[in-house]
PDB file of N, CA and C in Angstrom:
ATOM      1  N   UNK A   1      16.153  -7.295  -3.934  1.00  0.00           N
ATOM      2  CA  UNK A   1      15.943  -6.321  -2.894  1.00  0.00           C
ATOM      3  C   UNK A   1      14.455  -6.242  -2.587  1.00  0.00           C
ATOM      4  N   UNK A   2      14.129  -6.032  -1.324  1.00  0.00           N
ATOM      5  CA  UNK A   2      12.728  -5.949  -0.889  1.00  0.00           C
ATOM      6  C   UNK A   2      12.401  -4.514  -0.477  1.00  0.00           C
ATOM      7  N   UNK A   3      11.343  -3.966  -1.076  1.00  0.00           N
ATOM      8  CA  UNK A   3      10.916  -2.599  -0.826  1.00  0.00           C
ATOM      9  C   UNK A   3       9.539  -2.596  -0.158  1.00  0.00           C
ATOM     10  N   UNK A   4       9.384  -1.732   0.833  1.00  0.00           N
ATOM     11  CA  UNK A   4       8.101  -1.549   1.503  1.00  0.00           C
ATOM     12  C   UNK A   4       7.727  -0.079   1.443  1.00  0.00           C
ATOM     13  N   UNK A   5       6.527   0.183   0.964  1.00  0.00           N
ATOM     14  CA  UNK A   5       5.978   1.540   0.970  1.00  0.00           C
ATOM     15  C   UNK A   5       4.888   1.586   2.031  1.00  0.00           C
ATOM     16  N   UNK A   6       4.969   2.563   2.907  1.00  0.00           N
ATOM     17  CA  UNK A   6       3.908   2.813   3.879  1.00  0.00           C
ATOM     18  C   UNK A   6       3.197   4.077   3.410  1.00  0.00           C
ATOM     19  N   UNK A   7       1.924   3.934   3.083  1.00  0.00           N
ATOM     20  CA  UNK A   7       1.170   5.037   2.483  1.00  0.00           C
ATOM     21  C   UNK A   7       0.063   5.469   3.436  1.00  0.00           C
ATOM     22  N   UNK A   8       0.152   6.709   3.907  1.00  0.00           N
ATOM     23  CA  UNK A   8      -0.891   7.256   4.778  1.00  0.00           C
ATOM     24  C   UNK A   8      -1.609   8.442   4.128  1.00  0.00           C
ATOM     25  N   UNK A   9      -1.138   8.863   2.956  1.00  0.00           N
ATOM     26  CA  UNK A   9      -1.810   9.964   2.252  1.00  0.00           C
ATOM     27  C   UNK A   9      -2.967   9.401   1.437  1.00  0.00           C
ATOM     28  N   UNK A  10      -3.952  10.228   1.161  1.00  0.00           N
ATOM     29  CA  UNK A  10      -5.113   9.747   0.399  1.00  0.00           C
ATOM     30  C   UNK A  10      -4.757   9.625  -1.083  1.00  0.00           C
ATOM     31  N   UNK A  11      -5.488   8.808  -1.830  1.00  0.00           N
ATOM     32  CA  UNK A  11      -5.148   8.563  -3.236  1.00  0.00           C
ATOM     33  C   UNK A  11      -5.391   9.752  -4.154  1.00  0.00           C
ATOM     34  N   UNK A  12      -5.966  10.805  -3.635  1.00  0.00           N
ATOM     35  CA  UNK A  12      -6.240  11.978  -4.459  1.00  0.00           C
ATOM     36  C   UNK A  12      -5.185  13.060  -4.249  1.00  0.00           C
ATOM     37  N   UNK A  13      -4.142  12.723  -3.492  1.00  0.00           N
ATOM     38  CA  UNK A  13      -3.069  13.683  -3.238  1.00  0.00           C
ATOM     39  C   UNK A  13      -2.120  13.736  -4.427  1.00  0.00           C
ATOM     40  N   UNK A  14      -1.236  14.687  -4.392  1.00  0.00           N
ATOM     41  CA  UNK A  14      -0.264  14.843  -5.476  1.00  0.00           C
ATOM     42  C   UNK A  14       0.741  13.695  -5.507  1.00  0.00           C
ATOM     43  N   UNK A  15       0.825  12.896  -4.449  1.00  0.00           N
ATOM     44  CA  UNK A  15       1.772  11.785  -4.368  1.00  0.00           C
ATOM     45  C   UNK A  15       1.384  10.583  -5.220  1.00  0.00           C
ATOM     46  N   UNK A  16       0.157  10.499  -5.657  1.00  0.00           N
ATOM     47  CA  UNK A  16      -0.327   9.281  -6.318  1.00  0.00           C
ATOM     48  C   UNK A  16       0.526   8.898  -7.525  1.00  0.00           C
ATOM     49  N   UNK A  17       0.748   9.822  -8.442  1.00  0.00           N
ATOM     50  CA  UNK A  17       1.527   9.503  -9.642  1.00  0.00           C
ATOM     51  C   UNK A  17       2.970   9.153  -9.304  1.00  0.00           C
ATOM     52  N   UNK A  18       3.542   9.842  -8.344  1.00  0.00           N
ATOM     53  CA  UNK A  18       4.898   9.530  -7.901  1.00  0.00           C
ATOM     54  C   UNK A  18       4.960   8.118  -7.346  1.00  0.00           C
ATOM     55  N   UNK A  19       3.994   7.777  -6.525  1.00  0.00           N
ATOM     56  CA  UNK A  19       3.934   6.440  -5.943  1.00  0.00           C
ATOM     57  C   UNK A  19       3.839   5.374  -7.037  1.00  0.00           C
ATOM     58  N   UNK A  20       2.943   5.554  -7.968  1.00  0.00           N
ATOM     59  CA  UNK A  20       2.757   4.579  -9.046  1.00  0.00           C
ATOM     60  C   UNK A  20       4.033   4.426  -9.867  1.00  0.00           C
ATOM     61  N   UNK A  21       4.670   5.530 -10.219  1.00  0.00           N
ATOM     62  CA  UNK A  21       5.893   5.466 -11.024  1.00  0.00           C
ATOM     63  C   UNK A  21       7.031   4.787 -10.274  1.00  0.00           C
ATOM     64  N   UNK A  22       7.198   5.106  -9.000  1.00  0.00           N
ATOM     65  CA  UNK A  22       8.234   4.458  -8.197  1.00  0.00           C
ATOM     66  C   UNK A  22       7.995   2.961  -8.068  1.00  0.00           C
ATOM     67  N   UNK A  23       6.776   2.591  -7.779  1.00  0.00           N
ATOM     68  CA  UNK A  23       6.439   1.173  -7.621  1.00  0.00           C
ATOM     69  C   UNK A  23       6.672   0.431  -8.930  1.00  0.00           C
ATOM     70  N   UNK A  24       6.278   1.027 -10.032  1.00  0.00           N
ATOM     71  CA  UNK A  24       6.467   0.390 -11.337  1.00  0.00           C
ATOM     72  C   UNK A  24       7.952   0.103 -11.579  1.00  0.00           C
ATOM     73  N   UNK A  25       8.802   1.071 -11.317  1.00  0.00           N
ATOM     74  CA  UNK A  25      10.237   0.894 -11.542  1.00  0.00           C
ATOM     75  C   UNK A  25      10.872  -0.066 -10.537  1.00  0.00           C
ATOM     76  N   UNK A  26      10.528   0.058  -9.275  1.00  0.00           N
ATOM     77  CA  UNK A  26      11.137  -0.798  -8.257  1.00  0.00           C
ATOM     78  C   UNK A  26      10.679  -2.245  -8.357  1.00  0.00           C
ATOM     79  N   UNK A  27       9.484  -2.474  -8.899  1.00  0.00           N
ATOM     80  CA  UNK A  27       9.021  -3.853  -9.058  1.00  0.00           C
ATOM     81  C   UNK A  27       9.864  -4.599 -10.094  1.00  0.00           C
ATOM     82  N   UNK A  28      10.583  -3.877 -10.939  1.00  0.00           N
ATOM     83  CA  UNK A  28      11.497  -4.490 -11.894  1.00  0.00           C
ATOM     84  C   UNK A  28      12.801  -4.912 -11.213  1.00  0.00           C
ATOM     85  N   UNK A  29      13.065  -4.342 -10.029  1.00  0.00           N
ATOM     86  CA  UNK A  29      14.327  -4.575  -9.331  1.00  0.00           C
ATOM     87  C   UNK A  29      14.200  -5.477  -8.104  1.00  0.00           C
ATOM     88  N   UNK A  30      12.981  -5.841  -7.768  1.00  0.00           N
ATOM     89  CA  UNK A  30      12.812  -6.689  -6.593  1.00  0.00           C
ATOM     90  C   UNK A  30      11.365  -6.792  -6.165  1.00  0.00           C
ATOM     91  N   UNK A  31      11.182  -7.247  -4.949  1.00  0.00           N
ATOM     92  CA  UNK A  31       9.850  -7.454  -4.371  1.00  0.00           C
ATOM     93  C   UNK A  31       9.349  -6.145  -3.764  1.00  0.00           C
ATOM     94  N   UNK A  32       8.102  -5.796  -4.067  1.00  0.00           N
ATOM     95  CA  UNK A  32       7.515  -4.556  -3.563  1.00  0.00           C
ATOM     96  C   UNK A  32       6.223  -4.865  -2.811  1.00  0.00           C
ATOM     97  N   UNK A  33       6.094  -4.269  -1.630  1.00  0.00           N
ATOM     98  CA  UNK A  33       4.879  -4.368  -0.834  1.00  0.00           C
ATOM     99  C   UNK A  33       4.415  -2.959  -0.506  1.00  0.00           C
ATOM    100  N   UNK A  34       3.124  -2.728  -0.599  1.00  0.00           N
ATOM    101  CA  UNK A  34       2.541  -1.460  -0.177  1.00  0.00           C
ATOM    102  C   UNK A  34       1.626  -1.720   0.999  1.00  0.00           C
ATOM    103  N   UNK A  35       1.766  -0.898   2.032  1.00  0.00           N
ATOM    104  CA  UNK A  35       0.915  -0.988   3.217  1.00  0.00           C
ATOM    105  C   UNK A  35       0.180   0.346   3.341  1.00  0.00           C
ATOM    106  N   UNK A  36      -1.152   0.295   3.292  1.00  0.00           N
ATOM    107  CA  UNK A  36      -1.982   1.496   3.340  1.00  0.00           C
ATOM    108  C   UNK A  36      -2.610   1.633   4.718  1.00  0.00           C
ATOM    109  N   UNK A  37      -2.414   2.789   5.324  1.00  0.00           N
ATOM    110  CA  UNK A  37      -2.951   3.045   6.664  1.00  0.00           C
ATOM    111  C   UNK A  37      -3.455   4.482   6.718  1.00  0.00           C
ATOM    112  N   UNK A  38      -4.218   4.816   7.737  1.00  0.00           N
ATOM    113  CA  UNK A  38      -4.752   6.174   7.843  1.00  0.00           C
ATOM    114  C   UNK A  38      -5.594   6.487   6.620  1.00  0.00           C
ATOM    115  N   UNK A  39      -5.421   7.686   6.058  1.00  0.00           N
ATOM    116  CA  UNK A  39      -6.172   8.053   4.854  1.00  0.00           C
ATOM    117  C   UNK A  39      -5.762   7.226   3.639  1.00  0.00           C
ATOM    118  N   UNK A  40      -4.622   6.552   3.732  1.00  0.00           N
ATOM    119  CA  UNK A  40      -4.211   5.645   2.661  1.00  0.00           C
ATOM    120  C   UNK A  40      -5.189   4.503   2.467  1.00  0.00           C
ATOM    121  N   UNK A  41      -6.020   4.228   3.470  1.00  0.00           N
ATOM    122  CA  UNK A  41      -7.025   3.161   3.353  1.00  0.00           C
ATOM    123  C   UNK A  41      -7.987   3.426   2.196  1.00  0.00           C
ATOM    124  N   UNK A  42      -8.113   4.674   1.783  1.00  0.00           N
ATOM    125  CA  UNK A  42      -8.997   4.984   0.658  1.00  0.00           C
ATOM    126  C   UNK A  42      -8.498   4.370  -0.656  1.00  0.00           C
ATOM    127  N   UNK A  43      -7.227   4.013  -0.731  1.00  0.00           N
ATOM    128  CA  UNK A  43      -6.716   3.329  -1.917  1.00  0.00           C
ATOM    129  C   UNK A  43      -7.431   2.001  -2.141  1.00  0.00           C
ATOM    130  N   UNK A  44      -7.946   1.408  -1.080  1.00  0.00           N
ATOM    131  CA  UNK A  44      -8.566   0.082  -1.187  1.00  0.00           C
ATOM    132  C   UNK A  44      -9.857   0.075  -1.991  1.00  0.00           C
ATOM    133  N   UNK A  45     -10.360   1.247  -2.330  1.00  0.00           N
ATOM    134  CA  UNK A  45     -11.582   1.333  -3.137  1.00  0.00           C
ATOM    135  C   UNK A  45     -11.318   2.011  -4.481  1.00  0.00           C
ATOM    136  N   UNK A  46     -10.070   2.256  -4.794  1.00  0.00           N
ATOM    137  CA  UNK A  46      -9.693   2.932  -6.044  1.00  0.00           C
ATOM    138  C   UNK A  46      -9.297   1.879  -7.086  1.00  0.00           C
ATOM    139  N   UNK A  47     -10.143   1.630  -8.092  1.00  0.00           N
ATOM    140  CA  UNK A  47      -9.895   0.554  -9.059  1.00  0.00           C
ATOM    141  C   UNK A  47      -8.549   0.631  -9.777  1.00  0.00           C
ATOM    142  N   UNK A  48      -8.007   1.833  -9.975  1.00  0.00           N
ATOM    143  CA  UNK A  48      -6.737   1.982 -10.685  1.00  0.00           C
ATOM    144  C   UNK A  48      -5.584   1.266  -9.989  1.00  0.00           C
ATOM    145  N   UNK A  49      -5.711   1.063  -8.686  1.00  0.00           N
ATOM    146  CA  UNK A  49      -4.640   0.439  -7.908  1.00  0.00           C
ATOM    147  C   UNK A  49      -4.450  -1.025  -8.308  1.00  0.00           C
ATOM    148  N   UNK A  50      -5.446  -1.619  -8.912  1.00  0.00           N
ATOM    149  CA  UNK A  50      -5.329  -3.007  -9.355  1.00  0.00           C
ATOM    150  C   UNK A  50      -4.190  -3.184 -10.356  1.00  0.00           C
ATOM    151  N   UNK A  51      -3.822  -2.119 -11.061  1.00  0.00           N
ATOM    152  CA  UNK A  51      -2.679  -2.177 -11.991  1.00  0.00           C
ATOM    153  C   UNK A  51      -1.411  -2.567 -11.254  1.00  0.00           C
ATOM    154  N   UNK A  52      -1.267  -2.103 -10.022  1.00  0.00           N
ATOM    155  CA  UNK A  52      -0.070  -2.416  -9.249  1.00  0.00           C
ATOM    156  C   UNK A  52      -0.010  -3.903  -8.910  1.00  0.00           C
ATOM    157  N   UNK A  53      -1.144  -4.481  -8.614  1.00  0.00           N
ATOM    158  CA  UNK A  53      -1.210  -5.913  -8.319  1.00  0.00           C
ATOM    159  C   UNK A  53      -0.763  -6.714  -9.535  1.00  0.00           C
ATOM    160  N   UNK A  54      -1.112  -6.236 -10.719  1.00  0.00           N
ATOM    161  CA  UNK A  54      -0.714  -6.905 -11.956  1.00  0.00           C
ATOM    162  C   UNK A  54       0.799  -6.896 -12.155  1.00  0.00           C
ATOM    163  N   UNK A  55       1.491  -5.966 -11.499  1.00  0.00           N
ATOM    164  CA  UNK A  55       2.959  -5.903 -11.549  1.00  0.00           C
ATOM    165  C   UNK A  55       3.605  -6.844 -10.538  1.00  0.00           C
ATOM    166  N   UNK A  56       2.775  -7.532  -9.767  1.00  0.00           N
ATOM    167  CA  UNK A  56       3.297  -8.446  -8.764  1.00  0.00           C
ATOM    168  C   UNK A  56       3.496  -7.816  -7.400  1.00  0.00           C
ATOM    169  N   UNK A  57       2.931  -6.659  -7.199  1.00  0.00           N
ATOM    170  CA  UNK A  57       3.065  -5.936  -5.933  1.00  0.00           C
ATOM    171  C   UNK A  57       2.077  -6.497  -4.912  1.00  0.00           C
ATOM    172  N   UNK A  58       2.527  -6.658  -3.686  1.00  0.00           N
ATOM    173  CA  UNK A  58       1.649  -7.106  -2.602  1.00  0.00           C
ATOM    174  C   UNK A  58       0.983  -5.869  -1.996  1.00  0.00           C
ATOM    175  N   UNK A  59      -0.332  -5.909  -1.857  1.00  0.00           N
ATOM    176  CA  UNK A  59      -1.103  -4.773  -1.356  1.00  0.00           C
ATOM    177  C   UNK A  59      -1.755  -5.140  -0.025  1.00  0.00           C
ATOM    178  N   UNK A  60      -1.346  -4.456   1.026  1.00  0.00           N
ATOM    179  CA  UNK A  60      -1.891  -4.671   2.373  1.00  0.00           C
ATOM    180  C   UNK A  60      -2.543  -3.383   2.856  1.00  0.00           C
ATOM    181  N   UNK A  61      -3.508  -3.505   3.750  1.00  0.00           N
ATOM    182  CA  UNK A  61      -4.110  -2.313   4.343  1.00  0.00           C
ATOM    183  C   UNK A  61      -4.435  -2.569   5.805  1.00  0.00           C
ATOM    184  N   UNK A  62      -4.476  -1.496   6.556  1.00  0.00           N
ATOM    185  CA  UNK A  62      -4.848  -1.565   7.966  1.00  0.00           C
ATOM    186  C   UNK A  62      -6.379  -1.622   8.047  1.00  0.00           C
ATOM    187  N   UNK A  63      -6.894  -2.736   8.506  1.00  0.00           N
ATOM    188  CA  UNK A  63      -8.344  -2.930   8.590  1.00  0.00           C
ATOM    189  C   UNK A  63      -8.991  -1.916   9.534  1.00  0.00           C
ATOM    190  N   UNK A  64      -8.293  -1.565  10.596  1.00  0.00           N
ATOM    191  CA  UNK A  64      -8.834  -0.596  11.546  1.00  0.00           C
ATOM    192  C   UNK A  64      -8.980   0.780  10.886  1.00  0.00           C
ATOM    193  N   UNK A  65      -7.987   1.189  10.111  1.00  0.00           N
ATOM    194  CA  UNK A  65      -8.069   2.474   9.404  1.00  0.00           C
ATOM    195  C   UNK A  65      -9.237   2.481   8.431  1.00  0.00           C
ATOM    196  N   UNK A  66      -9.424   1.374   7.728  1.00  0.00           N
ATOM    197  CA  UNK A  66     -10.540   1.289   6.780  1.00  0.00           C
ATOM    198  C   UNK A  66     -11.876   1.382   7.511  1.00  0.00           C
ATOM    199  N   UNK A  67     -11.982   0.678   8.620  1.00  0.00           N
ATOM    200  CA  UNK A  67     -13.219   0.699   9.400  1.00  0.00           C
ATOM    201  C   UNK A  67     -13.511   2.111   9.905  1.00  0.00           C
ATOM    202  N   UNK A  68     -12.488   2.802  10.394  1.00  0.00           N
ATOM    203  CA  UNK A  68     -12.674   4.170  10.887  1.00  0.00           C
ATOM    204  C   UNK A  68     -13.183   5.105   9.799  1.00  0.00           C
ATOM    205  N   UNK A  69     -12.870   4.816   8.557  1.00  0.00           N
ATOM    206  CA  UNK A  69     -13.261   5.675   7.444  1.00  0.00           C
ATOM    207  C   UNK A  69     -14.522   5.179   6.744  1.00  0.00           C
ATOM    208  N   UNK A  70     -15.173   4.191   7.314  1.00  0.00           N
ATOM    209  CA  UNK A  70     -16.434   3.696   6.778  1.00  0.00           C
ATOM    210  C   UNK A  70     -16.295   2.828   5.543  1.00  0.00           C
ATOM    211  N   UNK A  71     -15.108   2.306   5.295  1.00  0.00           N
ATOM    212  CA  UNK A  71     -14.890   1.435   4.142  1.00  0.00           C
ATOM    213  C   UNK A  71     -15.269   0.016   4.548  1.00  0.00           C
ATOM    214  N   UNK A  72     -16.353  -0.461   3.972  1.00  0.00           N
ATOM    215  CA  UNK A  72     -16.858  -1.782   4.343  1.00  0.00           C
ATOM    216  C   UNK A  72     -16.386  -2.878   3.400  1.00  0.00           C
ATOM    217  N   UNK A  73     -16.171  -2.536   2.136  1.00  0.00           N
ATOM    218  CA  UNK A  73     -15.762  -3.529   1.142  1.00  0.00           C
ATOM    219  C   UNK A  73     -14.560  -2.982   0.389  1.00  0.00           C
ATOM    220  N   UNK A  74     -13.494  -3.768   0.358  1.00  0.00           N
ATOM    221  CA  UNK A  74     -12.292  -3.368  -0.370  1.00  0.00           C
ATOM    222  C   UNK A  74     -12.182  -4.183  -1.655  1.00  0.00           C
ATOM    223  N   UNK A  75     -11.334  -3.741  -2.549  1.00  0.00           N
ATOM    224  CA  UNK A  75     -11.078  -4.496  -3.769  1.00  0.00           C
ATOM    225  C   UNK A  75     -10.423  -5.830  -3.416  1.00  0.00           C
ATOM    226  N   UNK A  76     -10.662  -6.838  -4.216  1.00  0.00           N
ATOM    227  CA  UNK A  76     -10.147  -8.184  -3.949  1.00  0.00           C
ATOM    228  C   UNK A  76      -8.630  -8.285  -3.959  1.00  0.00           C
ATOM    229  N   UNK A  77      -7.957  -7.336  -4.560  1.00  0.00           N
ATOM    230  CA  UNK A  77      -6.495  -7.410  -4.675  1.00  0.00           C
ATOM    231  C   UNK A  77      -5.782  -7.039  -3.371  1.00  0.00           C
ATOM    232  N   UNK A  78      -6.521  -6.597  -2.364  1.00  0.00           N
ATOM    233  CA  UNK A  78      -5.934  -6.180  -1.088  1.00  0.00           C
ATOM    234  C   UNK A  78      -6.026  -7.268  -0.033  1.00  0.00           C
ATOM    235  N   UNK A  79      -5.002  -7.310   0.831  1.00  0.00           N
ATOM    236  CA  UNK A  79      -4.987  -8.212   1.983  1.00  0.00           C
ATOM    237  C   UNK A  79      -5.202  -7.377   3.244  1.00  0.00           C
ATOM    238  N   UNK A  80      -6.097  -7.812   4.078  1.00  0.00           N
ATOM    239  CA  UNK A  80      -6.347  -7.149   5.350  1.00  0.00           C
ATOM    240  C   UNK A  80      -5.177  -7.397   6.302  1.00  0.00           C
ATOM    241  N   UNK A  81      -4.773  -6.345   7.010  1.00  0.00           N
ATOM    242  CA  UNK A  81      -3.664  -6.458   7.958  1.00  0.00           C
ATOM    243  C   UNK A  81      -3.874  -5.445   9.076  1.00  0.00           C
ATOM    244  N   UNK A  82      -2.802  -5.127   9.785  1.00  0.00           N
ATOM    245  CA  UNK A  82      -2.872  -4.156  10.881  1.00  0.00           C
ATOM    246  C   UNK A  82      -1.517  -3.492  11.066  1.00  0.00           C
ATOM    247  N   UNK A  83      -1.497  -2.394  11.788  1.00  0.00           N
ATOM    248  CA  UNK A  83      -0.213  -1.751  12.069  1.00  0.00           C
ATOM    249  C   UNK A  83       0.631  -2.616  12.994  1.00  0.00           C
ATOM    250  N   UNK A  84      -0.009  -3.457  13.783  1.00  0.00           N
ATOM    251  CA  UNK A  84       0.752  -4.403  14.599  1.00  0.00           C
ATOM    252  C   UNK A  84       1.525  -5.363  13.692  1.00  0.00           C
ATOM    253  N   UNK A  85       0.852  -5.909  12.680  1.00  0.00           N
ATOM    254  CA  UNK A  85       1.539  -6.789  11.731  1.00  0.00           C
ATOM    255  C   UNK A  85       2.667  -6.051  11.016  1.00  0.00           C
ATOM    256  N   UNK A  86       2.412  -4.798  10.659  1.00  0.00           N
ATOM    257  CA  UNK A  86       3.449  -3.972  10.031  1.00  0.00           C
ATOM    258  C   UNK A  86       4.686  -3.903  10.921  1.00  0.00           C
ATOM    259  N   UNK A  87       4.492  -3.685  12.201  1.00  0.00           N
ATOM    260  CA  UNK A  87       5.629  -3.572  13.124  1.00  0.00           C
ATOM    261  C   UNK A  87       6.415  -4.881  13.211  1.00  0.00           C
ATOM    262  N   UNK A  88       5.762  -5.983  12.942  1.00  0.00           N
ATOM    263  CA  UNK A  88       6.435  -7.288  13.017  1.00  0.00           C
ATOM    264  C   UNK A  88       7.218  -7.613  11.745  1.00  0.00           C
ATOM    265  N   UNK A  89       6.723  -7.197  10.570  1.00  0.00           N
ATOM    266  CA  UNK A  89       7.413  -7.581   9.341  1.00  0.00           C
ATOM    267  C   UNK A  89       8.257  -6.479   8.709  1.00  0.00           C
ATOM    268  N   UNK A  90       8.231  -5.275   9.240  1.00  0.00           N
ATOM    269  CA  UNK A  90       8.983  -4.166   8.644  1.00  0.00           C
ATOM    270  C   UNK A  90      10.483  -4.463   8.583  1.00  0.00           C
ATOM    271  N   UNK A  91      10.979  -5.217   9.542  1.00  0.00           N
ATOM    272  CA  UNK A  91      12.407  -5.536   9.592  1.00  0.00           C
ATOM    273  C   UNK A  91      12.849  -6.468   8.460  1.00  0.00           C
ATOM    274  N   UNK A  92      11.907  -7.082   7.766  1.00  0.00           N
ATOM    275  CA  UNK A  92      12.228  -8.002   6.680  1.00  0.00           C
ATOM    276  C   UNK A  92      12.542  -7.291   5.366  1.00  0.00           C
ATOM    277  N   UNK A  93      12.398  -5.974   5.341  1.00  0.00           N
ATOM    278  CA  UNK A  93      12.578  -5.216   4.104  1.00  0.00           C
ATOM    279  C   UNK A  93      13.920  -4.481   4.100  1.00  0.00           C
ATOM    280  N   UNK A  94      14.498  -4.375   2.900  1.00  0.00           N
ATOM    281  CA  UNK A  94      15.774  -3.678   2.737  1.00  0.00           C
ATOM    282  C   UNK A  94      15.595  -2.161   2.732  1.00  0.00           C
ATOM    283  N   UNK A  95      14.515  -1.697   2.147  1.00  0.00           N
ATOM    284  CA  UNK A  95      14.225  -0.262   2.060  1.00  0.00           C
ATOM    285  C   UNK A  95      12.771  -0.018   2.401  1.00  0.00           C
ATOM    286  N   UNK A  96      12.523   1.016   3.206  1.00  0.00           N
ATOM    287  CA  UNK A  96      11.167   1.401   3.597  1.00  0.00           C
ATOM    288  C   UNK A  96      10.979   2.860   3.221  1.00  0.00           C
ATOM    289  N   UNK A  97       9.925   3.128   2.454  1.00  0.00           N
ATOM    290  CA  UNK A  97       9.600   4.490   2.034  1.00  0.00           C
ATOM    291  C   UNK A  97       8.223   4.828   2.569  1.00  0.00           C
ATOM    292  N   UNK A  98       8.046   6.087   2.972  1.00  0.00           N
ATOM    293  CA  UNK A  98       6.772   6.509   3.525  1.00  0.00           C
ATOM    294  C   UNK A  98       6.194   7.674   2.741  1.00  0.00           C
ATOM    295  N   UNK A  99       4.923   7.558   2.424  1.00  0.00           N
ATOM    296  CA  UNK A  99       4.185   8.644   1.762  1.00  0.00           C
ATOM    297  C   UNK A  99       3.079   9.097   2.708  1.00  0.00           C
ATOM    298  N   UNK A 100       3.198  10.322   3.208  1.00  0.00           N
ATOM    299  CA  UNK A 100       2.146  10.836   4.087  1.00  0.00           C
ATOM    300  C   UNK A 100       1.830  12.271   3.791  1.00  0.00           C
TER     301      UNK A 100
END
């Protein structure tokens, strides 16, 4: 099964631990991708998120959102993308969850 998380909340919100726990469990059951947009772009500078990459999770972020928030350098574990790309590949996933 393929899971996609769309994260627009900032990494300092109460959702962070829930997100990490869900991703950890779902990565045992299939392919997991996280797409960070809006304030979620702040995840791209949070070193703890690298743990998710170690679980085999694909980490994408909206480059425009990062630019709007003054994020010039992201962690190497992230792939630059866009909400346009999100709209094109969202149909490839069995389940889509949103954290905002």
